N, C-alpha and C. Protein backbone atom coordinates (compact mmCIF):
# COMPACT_ATOMS: atom_id res chain seq x y z
N MET A 1 -33.71 32.33 6.94
CA MET A 1 -33.19 31.84 6.03
C MET A 1 -32.59 30.39 6.39
N GLU A 2 -32.83 29.51 5.98
CA GLU A 2 -32.05 28.40 6.20
C GLU A 2 -30.91 27.98 5.40
N GLY A 3 -29.69 27.73 5.80
CA GLY A 3 -28.30 27.74 5.08
C GLY A 3 -27.55 28.65 4.69
N ALA A 4 -28.12 29.96 5.03
CA ALA A 4 -27.46 31.38 4.75
C ALA A 4 -26.40 31.53 5.87
N LEU A 5 -25.39 32.11 5.38
CA LEU A 5 -24.29 32.53 6.56
C LEU A 5 -24.66 34.00 7.01
N THR A 6 -24.24 34.22 8.24
CA THR A 6 -24.86 35.39 8.42
C THR A 6 -23.43 35.76 9.47
N GLY A 7 -23.46 37.25 9.68
CA GLY A 7 -22.14 38.04 10.44
C GLY A 7 -21.05 37.42 10.10
N SER A 8 -20.73 37.01 11.64
CA SER A 8 -19.21 36.54 11.62
C SER A 8 -18.73 35.11 11.08
N SER A 9 -19.84 34.03 10.92
CA SER A 9 -19.65 33.14 10.02
C SER A 9 -19.04 33.54 8.27
N ALA A 10 -19.80 34.41 7.96
CA ALA A 10 -19.62 34.57 6.77
C ALA A 10 -18.17 35.67 6.42
N MET A 11 -17.89 36.53 7.62
CA MET A 11 -16.64 37.09 7.47
C MET A 11 -15.36 35.85 7.56
N ASP A 12 -15.72 34.91 8.62
CA ASP A 12 -14.78 34.00 8.83
C ASP A 12 -14.51 33.12 7.41
N LEU A 13 -15.62 33.01 6.99
CA LEU A 13 -15.50 32.37 5.37
C LEU A 13 -14.54 32.86 4.42
N GLU A 14 -14.90 34.25 4.25
CA GLU A 14 -14.19 35.28 3.49
C GLU A 14 -12.82 35.41 3.88
N ASP A 15 -12.55 35.40 4.99
CA ASP A 15 -10.97 35.51 5.57
C ASP A 15 -10.27 33.90 5.18
N ASN A 16 -10.84 32.78 5.31
CA ASN A 16 -10.27 31.65 5.04
C ASN A 16 -10.09 31.65 3.55
N LEU A 17 -11.13 31.88 2.69
CA LEU A 17 -11.09 32.10 1.32
C LEU A 17 -9.88 32.86 0.89
N GLY A 18 -9.65 34.04 1.37
CA GLY A 18 -8.74 34.97 1.04
C GLY A 18 -7.12 34.35 1.43
N LEU A 19 -7.03 33.56 2.58
CA LEU A 19 -5.93 33.23 3.08
C LEU A 19 -5.63 32.14 1.92
N GLN A 20 -6.57 31.25 1.56
CA GLN A 20 -6.16 30.01 0.50
C GLN A 20 -6.00 30.79 -0.70
N HIS A 21 -6.43 31.62 -1.14
CA HIS A 21 -6.04 32.27 -2.16
C HIS A 21 -4.72 32.94 -2.41
N SER A 22 -4.13 33.56 -1.20
CA SER A 22 -3.00 34.01 -1.53
C SER A 22 -1.95 33.02 -1.03
N LEU A 23 -2.51 31.87 -0.27
CA LEU A 23 -1.27 30.79 -0.35
C LEU A 23 -1.30 29.94 -2.09
N ILE A 24 -2.32 30.05 -2.60
CA ILE A 24 -2.17 29.47 -3.87
C ILE A 24 -1.05 30.22 -4.91
N GLU A 25 -1.70 31.86 -4.60
CA GLU A 25 -0.79 32.69 -5.61
C GLU A 25 0.95 32.63 -5.11
N SER A 26 1.25 32.23 -4.04
CA SER A 26 2.63 32.58 -3.24
C SER A 26 3.24 31.02 -3.54
N ALA A 27 2.38 30.05 -4.01
CA ALA A 27 2.98 28.88 -4.14
C ALA A 27 4.11 28.81 -5.36
N GLN A 28 5.33 28.05 -5.01
CA GLN A 28 6.28 28.08 -5.92
C GLN A 28 6.12 26.56 -6.61
N PRO A 29 6.51 26.50 -7.87
CA PRO A 29 6.14 24.91 -8.45
C PRO A 29 7.51 24.23 -8.00
N LEU A 30 7.05 22.81 -8.11
CA LEU A 30 8.12 22.01 -7.58
C LEU A 30 9.28 21.71 -8.34
N PRO A 31 10.55 21.69 -8.18
CA PRO A 31 11.50 21.46 -9.38
C PRO A 31 11.17 19.99 -9.96
N PRO A 32 11.40 19.79 -11.34
CA PRO A 32 11.09 18.61 -11.96
C PRO A 32 12.25 17.42 -11.76
N LYS A 33 11.86 16.34 -11.39
CA LYS A 33 12.09 15.13 -11.02
C LYS A 33 12.70 14.52 -12.15
N GLU A 34 14.03 13.85 -12.02
CA GLU A 34 14.07 13.04 -13.29
C GLU A 34 13.92 11.81 -13.19
N ALA A 35 13.33 11.43 -13.99
CA ALA A 35 13.15 9.33 -14.27
C ALA A 35 13.96 8.58 -15.12
N THR A 36 14.19 7.52 -14.59
CA THR A 36 14.93 6.40 -15.47
C THR A 36 13.84 5.29 -15.77
N PRO A 37 13.60 5.54 -17.27
CA PRO A 37 12.78 4.59 -17.74
C PRO A 37 13.09 2.93 -17.69
N SER A 38 12.58 1.88 -17.48
CA SER A 38 13.07 0.58 -17.71
C SER A 38 13.49 0.35 -19.01
N SER A 39 14.37 -0.79 -19.16
CA SER A 39 15.42 -0.94 -20.20
C SER A 39 14.21 -1.33 -21.28
N SER A 40 13.03 -1.89 -21.03
CA SER A 40 12.00 -2.37 -21.85
C SER A 40 11.18 -1.13 -22.56
N PHE A 41 11.50 -0.10 -21.89
CA PHE A 41 10.47 1.00 -22.53
C PHE A 41 10.78 1.26 -23.84
N ASP A 42 9.85 1.11 -24.57
CA ASP A 42 9.93 1.82 -26.26
C ASP A 42 9.21 3.14 -26.53
N LEU A 43 9.94 4.00 -26.44
CA LEU A 43 9.32 5.48 -26.77
C LEU A 43 8.56 5.56 -27.67
N GLU A 44 8.95 5.08 -29.02
CA GLU A 44 8.05 5.12 -30.19
C GLU A 44 6.73 4.48 -29.98
N THR A 45 6.75 3.18 -29.55
CA THR A 45 5.55 2.43 -29.10
C THR A 45 4.57 3.37 -28.04
N TYR A 46 5.08 4.02 -27.23
CA TYR A 46 4.50 4.48 -26.06
C TYR A 46 3.68 5.69 -26.93
N ALA A 47 4.37 6.56 -27.58
CA ALA A 47 4.14 7.63 -28.33
C ALA A 47 3.08 7.44 -29.62
N ALA A 48 2.94 6.38 -29.93
CA ALA A 48 2.13 5.99 -30.94
C ALA A 48 0.71 5.87 -30.57
N TYR A 49 0.58 5.72 -29.14
CA TYR A 49 -0.74 5.54 -28.68
C TYR A 49 -1.58 6.88 -28.45
N TYR A 50 -0.81 7.82 -28.88
CA TYR A 50 -1.30 9.37 -28.91
C TYR A 50 -1.37 9.95 -29.71
N THR A 51 -2.18 11.37 -29.86
CA THR A 51 -2.07 11.91 -31.03
C THR A 51 -2.24 13.61 -30.69
N GLY A 52 -2.12 14.34 -31.43
CA GLY A 52 -2.60 15.99 -31.26
C GLY A 52 -1.40 16.50 -29.93
N ARG A 53 -2.21 17.49 -29.25
CA ARG A 53 -1.54 18.13 -28.03
C ARG A 53 -1.09 17.04 -27.18
N THR A 54 -1.76 15.94 -26.80
CA THR A 54 -1.40 15.06 -25.82
C THR A 54 -0.31 14.39 -26.18
N LYS A 55 0.10 14.04 -27.36
CA LYS A 55 1.27 13.48 -27.80
C LYS A 55 2.41 14.31 -27.76
N LEU A 56 2.07 15.73 -27.96
CA LEU A 56 3.49 16.73 -27.55
C LEU A 56 3.41 16.95 -26.31
N ASP A 57 2.72 16.78 -25.76
CA ASP A 57 2.79 17.01 -23.98
C ASP A 57 3.49 15.96 -23.40
N ARG A 58 3.17 14.45 -23.81
CA ARG A 58 3.86 13.46 -23.19
C ARG A 58 5.23 13.38 -23.52
N LEU A 59 5.61 13.65 -25.27
CA LEU A 59 6.96 13.70 -25.38
C LEU A 59 7.84 14.62 -24.90
N LYS A 60 7.14 16.02 -24.57
CA LYS A 60 7.68 16.96 -23.96
C LYS A 60 8.18 16.77 -22.35
N PHE A 61 7.30 16.09 -21.65
CA PHE A 61 7.42 15.56 -20.30
C PHE A 61 8.51 14.51 -20.56
N ILE A 62 8.80 13.69 -21.16
CA ILE A 62 9.66 12.48 -21.18
C ILE A 62 10.95 13.35 -21.40
N ALA A 63 11.34 14.41 -22.48
CA ALA A 63 12.47 15.02 -22.85
C ALA A 63 12.77 15.68 -21.64
N GLN A 64 12.20 16.37 -20.78
CA GLN A 64 12.71 17.35 -19.70
C GLN A 64 12.84 16.18 -18.53
N ARG A 65 12.46 15.13 -18.57
CA ARG A 65 12.71 14.50 -17.34
C ARG A 65 13.30 13.14 -17.14
N ALA A 66 13.78 12.55 -18.47
CA ALA A 66 14.11 11.26 -18.67
C ALA A 66 15.72 11.76 -19.60
N PRO A 67 16.48 11.79 -18.78
CA PRO A 67 17.78 11.93 -19.50
C PRO A 67 18.43 11.16 -20.62
N SER A 68 18.08 9.88 -20.32
CA SER A 68 18.55 8.77 -21.27
C SER A 68 17.45 8.72 -22.39
N LEU A 69 16.38 9.40 -22.57
CA LEU A 69 15.46 9.16 -23.60
C LEU A 69 15.59 10.87 -24.22
N ARG A 70 16.29 11.69 -23.45
CA ARG A 70 16.09 13.46 -24.01
C ARG A 70 16.12 13.49 -25.44
N ALA A 71 17.39 13.01 -26.05
CA ALA A 71 17.44 13.06 -27.45
C ALA A 71 16.32 12.64 -28.14
N GLU A 72 16.32 11.30 -28.12
CA GLU A 72 15.15 10.64 -28.92
C GLU A 72 13.59 11.35 -28.58
N ALA A 73 13.30 11.74 -27.38
CA ALA A 73 12.35 12.08 -27.28
C ALA A 73 12.10 13.67 -27.74
N SER A 74 13.00 14.46 -27.86
CA SER A 74 13.12 15.66 -28.28
C SER A 74 13.01 15.57 -29.89
N LYS A 75 14.02 14.83 -30.47
CA LYS A 75 13.94 14.74 -31.93
C LYS A 75 12.08 14.58 -32.31
N MET A 76 11.54 13.49 -31.75
CA MET A 76 10.12 13.19 -32.12
C MET A 76 9.29 14.55 -31.84
N LEU A 77 9.44 15.12 -30.71
CA LEU A 77 8.61 16.13 -30.34
C LEU A 77 8.87 17.31 -31.43
N LEU A 78 10.24 17.55 -32.08
CA LEU A 78 10.16 18.44 -33.03
C LEU A 78 9.44 18.18 -34.15
N THR A 79 9.39 16.78 -34.47
CA THR A 79 8.93 16.49 -35.92
C THR A 79 7.68 16.80 -35.67
N GLU A 80 6.90 16.22 -34.64
CA GLU A 80 5.31 16.24 -34.45
C GLU A 80 5.04 17.87 -34.50
N ILE A 81 5.95 18.71 -33.99
CA ILE A 81 5.67 20.12 -33.78
C ILE A 81 5.69 20.69 -35.21
N LYS A 82 6.51 20.05 -35.93
CA LYS A 82 6.55 20.75 -37.43
C LYS A 82 5.61 20.46 -38.23
N ALA A 83 4.78 19.24 -37.77
CA ALA A 83 3.74 18.93 -38.79
C ALA A 83 2.19 19.71 -38.16
N GLY A 84 2.39 20.40 -37.28
CA GLY A 84 1.26 20.81 -36.67
C GLY A 84 1.51 22.69 -37.14
N GLN A 85 0.80 23.59 -36.16
CA GLN A 85 0.94 24.88 -36.52
C GLN A 85 1.11 25.85 -35.12
N ASP A 86 1.68 25.09 -34.23
CA ASP A 86 2.20 25.57 -32.98
C ASP A 86 3.81 26.37 -32.90
N VAL A 87 3.72 27.39 -33.39
CA VAL A 87 5.07 28.20 -33.38
C VAL A 87 5.51 28.38 -31.81
N ASN A 88 4.72 28.86 -30.96
CA ASN A 88 4.59 28.96 -29.75
C ASN A 88 5.76 27.97 -29.14
N LEU A 89 5.00 26.64 -29.09
CA LEU A 89 5.38 25.30 -28.55
C LEU A 89 6.82 25.07 -29.21
N TYR A 90 7.10 25.13 -30.60
CA TYR A 90 8.26 24.94 -31.29
C TYR A 90 9.33 25.74 -30.66
N GLN A 91 9.09 27.34 -30.55
CA GLN A 91 10.01 27.91 -29.98
C GLN A 91 10.34 27.78 -28.47
N GLU A 92 9.55 27.06 -27.68
CA GLU A 92 9.79 26.84 -26.15
C GLU A 92 10.43 25.42 -26.24
N VAL A 93 10.26 24.56 -27.16
CA VAL A 93 10.86 23.41 -27.17
C VAL A 93 12.23 23.69 -27.46
N LEU A 94 12.60 24.45 -28.86
CA LEU A 94 14.16 24.84 -29.11
C LEU A 94 14.86 25.49 -27.44
N GLN A 95 14.02 26.55 -27.10
CA GLN A 95 14.70 27.05 -25.83
C GLN A 95 15.12 26.13 -24.84
N MET A 96 14.26 25.18 -24.65
CA MET A 96 14.46 24.11 -23.71
C MET A 96 15.74 23.36 -23.98
N LEU A 97 15.48 22.83 -25.30
CA LEU A 97 16.90 22.04 -25.77
C LEU A 97 18.31 22.78 -25.64
N GLN A 98 18.49 23.99 -25.95
CA GLN A 98 19.19 24.92 -25.91
C GLN A 98 19.73 24.96 -24.22
N ASP A 99 18.74 25.07 -23.26
CA ASP A 99 19.15 25.26 -22.12
C ASP A 99 19.65 23.87 -21.25
N LEU A 100 19.66 22.60 -22.00
CA LEU A 100 20.13 21.47 -21.61
C LEU A 100 21.73 21.56 -21.47
């Protein structure tokens, strides 16, 4: 049968996949980096281009990574969350703000 793995080549593949899987499971997330937006960056204009979960994710990302925009992004994020139904995200953001 053409293209079929046999004997040792199949075992080698399984060993490699097992190794890759264990490396992925043991990988630690990278610490978040802080960002400094340019002086011309307008958060309200930027956020206006997005809706729904994408808008929430982008505001959360900015609140976590840009200290100079943290307060403004957090307020916008909480306002957007309150307009929706995601209680878990609301609690997560409140906890994030308390940890800052």
